[in-house]
Amino acid sequence: MRVKPYSYRKVIKILSKLGFRVVRQKGSHTILKGFYKDKKRTVVVPKHREIAVGTLRGILFQAGLTVEEFTKLIEKS
């Protein structure tokens, strides 16, 4: 499934709904930590107006999400 670019704020909002919490921000990157699928995960999200598709796929991989799961969460919000 194809993923399209989303804003930094939208990605943070979706990850927060899954239980990730902002731990710190350094420069233009925000670090979130949380548990997902019984694993402790650290996710780094760049603070860009629009996150590129490849970067977004990396964020989803760090969070343990598939593109389909992320798309369903976007549609619900």
PDB file of N, CA and C in Angstrom:
ATOM      1  N   MET A   1       0.842  -1.178   0.000  1.00  0.00           N
ATOM      2  CA  MET A   1       0.000   0.000   0.000  1.00  0.00           C
ATOM      3  C   MET A   1       0.886   1.240   0.000  1.00  0.00           C
ATOM      4  N   ARG A   2       0.458   2.227  -0.725  1.00  0.00           N
ATOM      5  CA  ARG A   2       1.223   3.471  -0.801  1.00  0.00           C
ATOM      6  C   ARG A   2       0.930   4.345   0.407  1.00  0.00           C
ATOM      7  N   VAL A   3       1.935   5.050   0.811  1.00  0.00           N
ATOM      8  CA  VAL A   3       1.772   6.006   1.902  1.00  0.00           C
ATOM      9  C   VAL A   3       2.075   7.381   1.327  1.00  0.00           C
ATOM     10  N   LYS A   4       1.327   8.376   1.777  1.00  0.00           N
ATOM     11  CA  LYS A   4       1.580   9.725   1.290  1.00  0.00           C
ATOM     12  C   LYS A   4       2.177  10.566   2.413  1.00  0.00           C
ATOM     13  N   PRO A   5       2.782  11.686   2.078  1.00  0.00           N
ATOM     14  CA  PRO A   5       3.403  12.523   3.112  1.00  0.00           C
ATOM     15  C   PRO A   5       2.349  13.113   4.056  1.00  0.00           C
ATOM     16  N   TYR A   6       2.690  13.198   5.323  1.00  0.00           N
ATOM     17  CA  TYR A   6       1.826  13.824   6.317  1.00  0.00           C
ATOM     18  C   TYR A   6       2.625  14.849   7.096  1.00  0.00           C
ATOM     19  N   SER A   7       1.920  15.739   7.757  1.00  0.00           N
ATOM     20  CA  SER A   7       2.589  16.772   8.545  1.00  0.00           C
ATOM     21  C   SER A   7       3.147  16.177   9.837  1.00  0.00           C
ATOM     22  N   TYR A   8       4.124  16.849  10.361  1.00  0.00           N
ATOM     23  CA  TYR A   8       4.758  16.482  11.631  1.00  0.00           C
ATOM     24  C   TYR A   8       3.705  16.363  12.730  1.00  0.00           C
ATOM     25  N   ARG A   9       2.825  17.337  12.805  1.00  0.00           N
ATOM     26  CA  ARG A   9       1.809  17.360  13.871  1.00  0.00           C
ATOM     27  C   ARG A   9       0.853  16.170  13.773  1.00  0.00           C
ATOM     28  N   LYS A  10       0.475  15.806  12.559  1.00  0.00           N
ATOM     29  CA  LYS A  10      -0.445  14.681  12.366  1.00  0.00           C
ATOM     30  C   LYS A  10       0.205  13.367  12.817  1.00  0.00           C
ATOM     31  N   VAL A  11       1.474  13.187  12.489  1.00  0.00           N
ATOM     32  CA  VAL A  11       2.191  11.962  12.870  1.00  0.00           C
ATOM     33  C   VAL A  11       2.323  11.880  14.387  1.00  0.00           C
ATOM     34  N   ILE A  12       2.687  12.992  15.029  1.00  0.00           N
ATOM     35  CA  ILE A  12       2.811  13.033  16.493  1.00  0.00           C
ATOM     36  C   ILE A  12       1.462  12.720  17.142  1.00  0.00           C
ATOM     37  N   LYS A  13       0.388  13.267  16.590  1.00  0.00           N
ATOM     38  CA  LYS A  13      -0.956  13.056  17.132  1.00  0.00           C
ATOM     39  C   LYS A  13      -1.337  11.573  17.091  1.00  0.00           C
ATOM     40  N   ILE A  14      -1.071  10.916  15.965  1.00  0.00           N
ATOM     41  CA  ILE A  14      -1.401   9.493  15.822  1.00  0.00           C
ATOM     42  C   ILE A  14      -0.565   8.647  16.777  1.00  0.00           C
ATOM     43  N   LEU A  15       0.733   8.936  16.861  1.00  0.00           N
ATOM     44  CA  LEU A  15       1.601   8.168  17.765  1.00  0.00           C
ATOM     45  C   LEU A  15       1.187   8.378  19.226  1.00  0.00           C
ATOM     46  N   SER A  16       0.758   9.586  19.565  1.00  0.00           N
ATOM     47  CA  SER A  16       0.303   9.862  20.937  1.00  0.00           C
ATOM     48  C   SER A  16      -0.940   9.045  21.278  1.00  0.00           C
ATOM     49  N   LYS A  17      -1.822   8.881  20.305  1.00  0.00           N
ATOM     50  CA  LYS A  17      -3.026   8.069  20.529  1.00  0.00           C
ATOM     51  C   LYS A  17      -2.678   6.609  20.800  1.00  0.00           C
ATOM     52  N   LEU A  18      -1.530   6.166  20.284  1.00  0.00           N
ATOM     53  CA  LEU A  18      -1.083   4.787  20.503  1.00  0.00           C
ATOM     54  C   LEU A  18      -0.332   4.622  21.817  1.00  0.00           C
ATOM     55  N   GLY A  19      -0.140   5.717  22.556  1.00  0.00           N
ATOM     56  CA  GLY A  19       0.524   5.620  23.850  1.00  0.00           C
ATOM     57  C   GLY A  19       1.951   6.127  23.881  1.00  0.00           C
ATOM     58  N   PHE A  20       2.449   6.628  22.768  1.00  0.00           N
ATOM     59  CA  PHE A  20       3.797   7.199  22.753  1.00  0.00           C
ATOM     60  C   PHE A  20       3.757   8.579  23.393  1.00  0.00           C
ATOM     61  N   ARG A  21       4.805   8.908  24.131  1.00  0.00           N
ATOM     62  CA  ARG A  21       4.896  10.203  24.805  1.00  0.00           C
ATOM     63  C   ARG A  21       6.165  10.918  24.379  1.00  0.00           C
ATOM     64  N   VAL A  22       6.046  12.234  24.221  1.00  0.00           N
ATOM     65  CA  VAL A  22       7.216  13.042  23.870  1.00  0.00           C
ATOM     66  C   VAL A  22       8.143  13.083  25.071  1.00  0.00           C
ATOM     67  N   VAL A  23       9.387  12.661  24.868  1.00  0.00           N
ATOM     68  CA  VAL A  23      10.364  12.639  25.947  1.00  0.00           C
ATOM     69  C   VAL A  23      11.222  13.893  25.900  1.00  0.00           C
ATOM     70  N   ARG A  24      11.616  14.262  24.688  1.00  0.00           N
ATOM     71  CA  ARG A  24      12.429  15.466  24.546  1.00  0.00           C
ATOM     72  C   ARG A  24      12.429  15.910  23.097  1.00  0.00           C
ATOM     73  N   GLN A  25      12.920  17.124  22.927  1.00  0.00           N
ATOM     74  CA  GLN A  25      13.080  17.652  21.582  1.00  0.00           C
ATOM     75  C   GLN A  25      14.461  18.269  21.493  1.00  0.00           C
ATOM     76  N   LYS A  26      15.188  17.894  20.468  1.00  0.00           N
ATOM     77  CA  LYS A  26      16.523  18.433  20.285  1.00  0.00           C
ATOM     78  C   LYS A  26      16.614  18.953  18.859  1.00  0.00           C
ATOM     79  N   GLY A  27      16.799  20.243  18.728  1.00  0.00           N
ATOM     80  CA  GLY A  27      16.864  20.837  17.396  1.00  0.00           C
ATOM     81  C   GLY A  27      15.553  20.649  16.668  1.00  0.00           C
ATOM     82  N   SER A  28      15.615  20.049  15.500  1.00  0.00           N
ATOM     83  CA  SER A  28      14.410  19.877  14.698  1.00  0.00           C
ATOM     84  C   SER A  28      13.854  18.456  14.769  1.00  0.00           C
ATOM     85  N   HIS A  29      14.191  17.721  15.820  1.00  0.00           N
ATOM     86  CA  HIS A  29      13.704  16.349  15.969  1.00  0.00           C
ATOM     87  C   HIS A  29      13.027  16.164  17.327  1.00  0.00           C
ATOM     88  N   THR A  30      11.926  15.443  17.326  1.00  0.00           N
ATOM     89  CA  THR A  30      11.207  15.119  18.547  1.00  0.00           C
ATOM     90  C   THR A  30      11.356  13.627  18.800  1.00  0.00           C
ATOM     91  N   ILE A  31      11.674  13.285  20.045  1.00  0.00           N
ATOM     92  CA  ILE A  31      11.865  11.879  20.415  1.00  0.00           C
ATOM     93  C   ILE A  31      10.671  11.442  21.258  1.00  0.00           C
ATOM     94  N   LEU A  32      10.045  10.343  20.852  1.00  0.00           N
ATOM     95  CA  LEU A  32       8.913   9.785  21.578  1.00  0.00           C
ATOM     96  C   LEU A  32       9.282   8.389  22.052  1.00  0.00           C
ATOM     97  N   LYS A  33       8.737   8.008  23.199  1.00  0.00           N
ATOM     98  CA  LYS A  33       8.946   6.656  23.717  1.00  0.00           C
ATOM     99  C   LYS A  33       7.606   6.078  24.120  1.00  0.00           C
ATOM    100  N   GLY A  34       7.520   4.771  24.008  1.00  0.00           N
ATOM    101  CA  GLY A  34       6.294   4.109  24.397  1.00  0.00           C
ATOM    102  C   GLY A  34       6.390   2.615  24.170  1.00  0.00           C
ATOM    103  N   PHE A  35       5.328   1.924  24.559  1.00  0.00           N
ATOM    104  CA  PHE A  35       5.228   0.482  24.343  1.00  0.00           C
ATOM    105  C   PHE A  35       4.193   0.245  23.260  1.00  0.00           C
ATOM    106  N   TYR A  36       4.544  -0.590  22.300  1.00  0.00           N
ATOM    107  CA  TYR A  36       3.594  -0.976  21.268  1.00  0.00           C
ATOM    108  C   TYR A  36       3.886  -2.421  20.903  1.00  0.00           C
ATOM    109  N   LYS A  37       2.848  -3.230  20.876  1.00  0.00           N
ATOM    110  CA  LYS A  37       2.971  -4.675  20.634  1.00  0.00           C
ATOM    111  C   LYS A  37       3.963  -5.298  21.617  1.00  0.00           C
ATOM    112  N   ASP A  38       3.825  -4.927  22.877  1.00  0.00           N
ATOM    113  CA  ASP A  38       4.620  -5.462  23.991  1.00  0.00           C
ATOM    114  C   ASP A  38       6.120  -5.225  23.862  1.00  0.00           C
ATOM    115  N   LYS A  39       6.515  -4.210  23.156  1.00  0.00           N
ATOM    116  CA  LYS A  39       7.927  -3.859  23.046  1.00  0.00           C
ATOM    117  C   LYS A  39       8.111  -2.381  23.346  1.00  0.00           C
ATOM    118  N   LYS A  40       9.192  -2.082  24.054  1.00  0.00           N
ATOM    119  CA  LYS A  40       9.529  -0.687  24.314  1.00  0.00           C
ATOM    120  C   LYS A  40      10.148  -0.112  23.047  1.00  0.00           C
ATOM    121  N   ARG A  41       9.629   1.012  22.602  1.00  0.00           N
ATOM    122  CA  ARG A  41      10.087   1.580  21.337  1.00  0.00           C
ATOM    123  C   ARG A  41      10.434   3.054  21.487  1.00  0.00           C
ATOM    124  N   THR A  42      11.436   3.472  20.731  1.00  0.00           N
ATOM    125  CA  THR A  42      11.834   4.870  20.650  1.00  0.00           C
ATOM    126  C   THR A  42      11.659   5.301  19.203  1.00  0.00           C
ATOM    127  N   VAL A  43      10.960   6.415  19.016  1.00  0.00           N
ATOM    128  CA  VAL A  43      10.666   6.906  17.674  1.00  0.00           C
ATOM    129  C   VAL A  43      11.174   8.336  17.559  1.00  0.00           C
ATOM    130  N   VAL A  44      11.890   8.615  16.481  1.00  0.00           N
ATOM    131  CA  VAL A  44      12.406   9.960  16.222  1.00  0.00           C
ATOM    132  C   VAL A  44      11.623  10.542  15.051  1.00  0.00           C
ATOM    133  N   VAL A  45      10.982  11.698  15.291  1.00  0.00           N
ATOM    134  CA  VAL A  45      10.181  12.346  14.258  1.00  0.00           C
ATOM    135  C   VAL A  45      10.788  13.708  13.948  1.00  0.00           C
ATOM    136  N   PRO A  46      11.174  13.949  12.694  1.00  0.00           N
ATOM    137  CA  PRO A  46      11.714  15.261  12.336  1.00  0.00           C
ATOM    138  C   PRO A  46      10.597  16.300  12.318  1.00  0.00           C
ATOM    139  N   LYS A  47      10.908  17.487  12.765  1.00  0.00           N
ATOM    140  CA  LYS A  47       9.905  18.548  12.839  1.00  0.00           C
ATOM    141  C   LYS A  47       9.895  19.310  11.515  1.00  0.00           C
ATOM    142  N   HIS A  48       9.327  18.662  10.482  1.00  0.00           N
ATOM    143  CA  HIS A  48       9.213  19.260   9.158  1.00  0.00           C
ATOM    144  C   HIS A  48       7.749  19.544   8.871  1.00  0.00           C
ATOM    145  N   ARG A  49       7.523  20.503   8.010  1.00  0.00           N
ATOM    146  CA  ARG A  49       6.143  20.828   7.641  1.00  0.00           C
ATOM    147  C   ARG A  49       5.461  19.589   7.062  1.00  0.00           C
ATOM    148  N   GLU A  50       6.169  18.896   6.181  1.00  0.00           N
ATOM    149  CA  GLU A  50       5.650  17.669   5.590  1.00  0.00           C
ATOM    150  C   GLU A  50       6.750  16.610   5.635  1.00  0.00           C
ATOM    151  N   ILE A  51       6.442  15.464   6.209  1.00  0.00           N
ATOM    152  CA  ILE A  51       7.438  14.395   6.336  1.00  0.00           C
ATOM    153  C   ILE A  51       7.439  13.574   5.048  1.00  0.00           C
ATOM    154  N   ALA A  52       8.618  13.400   4.466  1.00  0.00           N
ATOM    155  CA  ALA A  52       8.759  12.664   3.208  1.00  0.00           C
ATOM    156  C   ALA A  52       8.330  11.204   3.379  1.00  0.00           C
ATOM    157  N   VAL A  53       7.944  10.594   2.280  1.00  0.00           N
ATOM    158  CA  VAL A  53       7.418   9.226   2.296  1.00  0.00           C
ATOM    159  C   VAL A  53       8.428   8.235   2.869  1.00  0.00           C
ATOM    160  N   GLY A  54       9.673   8.302   2.445  1.00  0.00           N
ATOM    161  CA  GLY A  54      10.698   7.386   2.945  1.00  0.00           C
ATOM    162  C   GLY A  54      10.948   7.559   4.429  1.00  0.00           C
ATOM    163  N   THR A  55      10.956   8.803   4.875  1.00  0.00           N
ATOM    164  CA  THR A  55      11.142   9.101   6.299  1.00  0.00           C
ATOM    165  C   THR A  55       9.958   8.580   7.103  1.00  0.00           C
ATOM    166  N   LEU A  56       8.761   8.761   6.574  1.00  0.00           N
ATOM    167  CA  LEU A  56       7.559   8.289   7.257  1.00  0.00           C
ATOM    168  C   LEU A  56       7.571   6.767   7.389  1.00  0.00           C
ATOM    169  N   ARG A  57       8.026   6.071   6.361  1.00  0.00           N
ATOM    170  CA  ARG A  57       8.139   4.605   6.444  1.00  0.00           C
ATOM    171  C   ARG A  57       9.122   4.201   7.545  1.00  0.00           C
ATOM    172  N   GLY A  58      10.214   4.951   7.687  1.00  0.00           N
ATOM    173  CA  GLY A  58      11.181   4.688   8.750  1.00  0.00           C
ATOM    174  C   GLY A  58      10.578   4.898  10.125  1.00  0.00           C
ATOM    175  N   ILE A  59       9.778   5.949  10.262  1.00  0.00           N
ATOM    176  CA  ILE A  59       9.101   6.235  11.532  1.00  0.00           C
ATOM    177  C   ILE A  59       8.137   5.099  11.872  1.00  0.00           C
ATOM    178  N   LEU A  60       7.390   4.640  10.884  1.00  0.00           N
ATOM    179  CA  LEU A  60       6.445   3.539  11.111  1.00  0.00           C
ATOM    180  C   LEU A  60       7.178   2.264  11.509  1.00  0.00           C
ATOM    181  N   PHE A  61       8.328   2.014  10.896  1.00  0.00           N
ATOM    182  CA  PHE A  61       9.138   0.843  11.248  1.00  0.00           C
ATOM    183  C   PHE A  61       9.614   0.942  12.698  1.00  0.00           C
ATOM    184  N   GLN A  62      10.091   2.119  13.105  1.00  0.00           N
ATOM    185  CA  GLN A  62      10.547   2.321  14.488  1.00  0.00           C
ATOM    186  C   GLN A  62       9.403   2.085  15.472  1.00  0.00           C
ATOM    187  N   ALA A  63       8.201   2.514  15.091  1.00  0.00           N
ATOM    188  CA  ALA A  63       7.043   2.392  15.977  1.00  0.00           C
ATOM    189  C   ALA A  63       6.430   0.996  15.951  1.00  0.00           C
ATOM    190  N   GLY A  64       6.803   0.181  14.970  1.00  0.00           N
ATOM    191  CA  GLY A  64       6.237  -1.161  14.869  1.00  0.00           C
ATOM    192  C   GLY A  64       4.895  -1.193  14.168  1.00  0.00           C
ATOM    193  N   LEU A  65       4.601  -0.171  13.389  1.00  0.00           N
ATOM    194  CA  LEU A  65       3.335  -0.071  12.671  1.00  0.00           C
ATOM    195  C   LEU A  65       3.508  -0.467  11.213  1.00  0.00           C
ATOM    196  N   THR A  66       2.448  -0.989  10.634  1.00  0.00           N
ATOM    197  CA  THR A  66       2.446  -1.199   9.190  1.00  0.00           C
ATOM    198  C   THR A  66       1.785   0.016   8.545  1.00  0.00           C
ATOM    199  N   VAL A  67       1.960   0.142   7.251  1.00  0.00           N
ATOM    200  CA  VAL A  67       1.344   1.255   6.527  1.00  0.00           C
ATOM    201  C   VAL A  67      -0.178   1.155   6.625  1.00  0.00           C
ATOM    202  N   GLU A  68      -0.707  -0.049   6.558  1.00  0.00           N
ATOM    203  CA  GLU A  68      -2.154  -0.252   6.640  1.00  0.00           C
ATOM    204  C   GLU A  68      -2.702   0.193   7.994  1.00  0.00           C
ATOM    205  N   GLU A  69      -2.013  -0.182   9.079  1.00  0.00           N
ATOM    206  CA  GLU A  69      -2.447   0.224  10.423  1.00  0.00           C
ATOM    207  C   GLU A  69      -2.429   1.743  10.550  1.00  0.00           C
ATOM    208  N   PHE A  70      -1.365   2.362  10.064  1.00  0.00           N
ATOM    209  CA  PHE A  70      -1.236   3.815  10.143  1.00  0.00           C
ATOM    210  C   PHE A  70      -2.340   4.504   9.341  1.00  0.00           C
ATOM    211  N   THR A  71      -2.619   3.989   8.149  1.00  0.00           N
ATOM    212  CA  THR A  71      -3.655   4.577   7.300  1.00  0.00           C
ATOM    213  C   THR A  71      -5.024   4.485   7.967  1.00  0.00           C
ATOM    214  N   LYS A  72      -5.321   3.358   8.604  1.00  0.00           N
ATOM    215  CA  LYS A  72      -6.599   3.215   9.314  1.00  0.00           C
ATOM    216  C   LYS A  72      -6.709   4.217  10.455  1.00  0.00           C
ATOM    217  N   LEU A  73      -5.604   4.427  11.180  1.00  0.00           N
ATOM    218  CA  LEU A  73      -5.615   5.391  12.277  1.00  0.00           C
ATOM    219  C   LEU A  73      -5.815   6.814  11.763  1.00  0.00           C
ATOM    220  N   ILE A  74      -5.225   7.138  10.629  1.00  0.00           N
ATOM    221  CA  ILE A  74      -5.393   8.461  10.019  1.00  0.00           C
ATOM    222  C   ILE A  74      -6.851   8.666   9.621  1.00  0.00           C
ATOM    223  N   GLU A  75      -7.465   7.648   9.035  1.00  0.00           N
ATOM    224  CA  GLU A  75      -8.856   7.754   8.596  1.00  0.00           C
ATOM    225  C   GLU A  75      -9.804   7.944   9.770  1.00  0.00           C
ATOM    226  N   LYS A  76      -9.497   7.332  10.916  1.00  0.00           N
ATOM    227  CA  LYS A  76     -10.344   7.454  12.107  1.00  0.00           C
ATOM    228  C   LYS A  76     -10.269   8.842  12.728  1.00  0.00           C
ATOM    229  N   SER A  77      -9.109   9.484  12.617  1.00  0.00           N
ATOM    230  CA  SER A  77      -8.940  10.785  13.294  1.00  0.00           C
ATOM    231  C   SER A  77      -9.445  11.940  12.470  1.00  0.00           C
TER     232      SER A  77
END
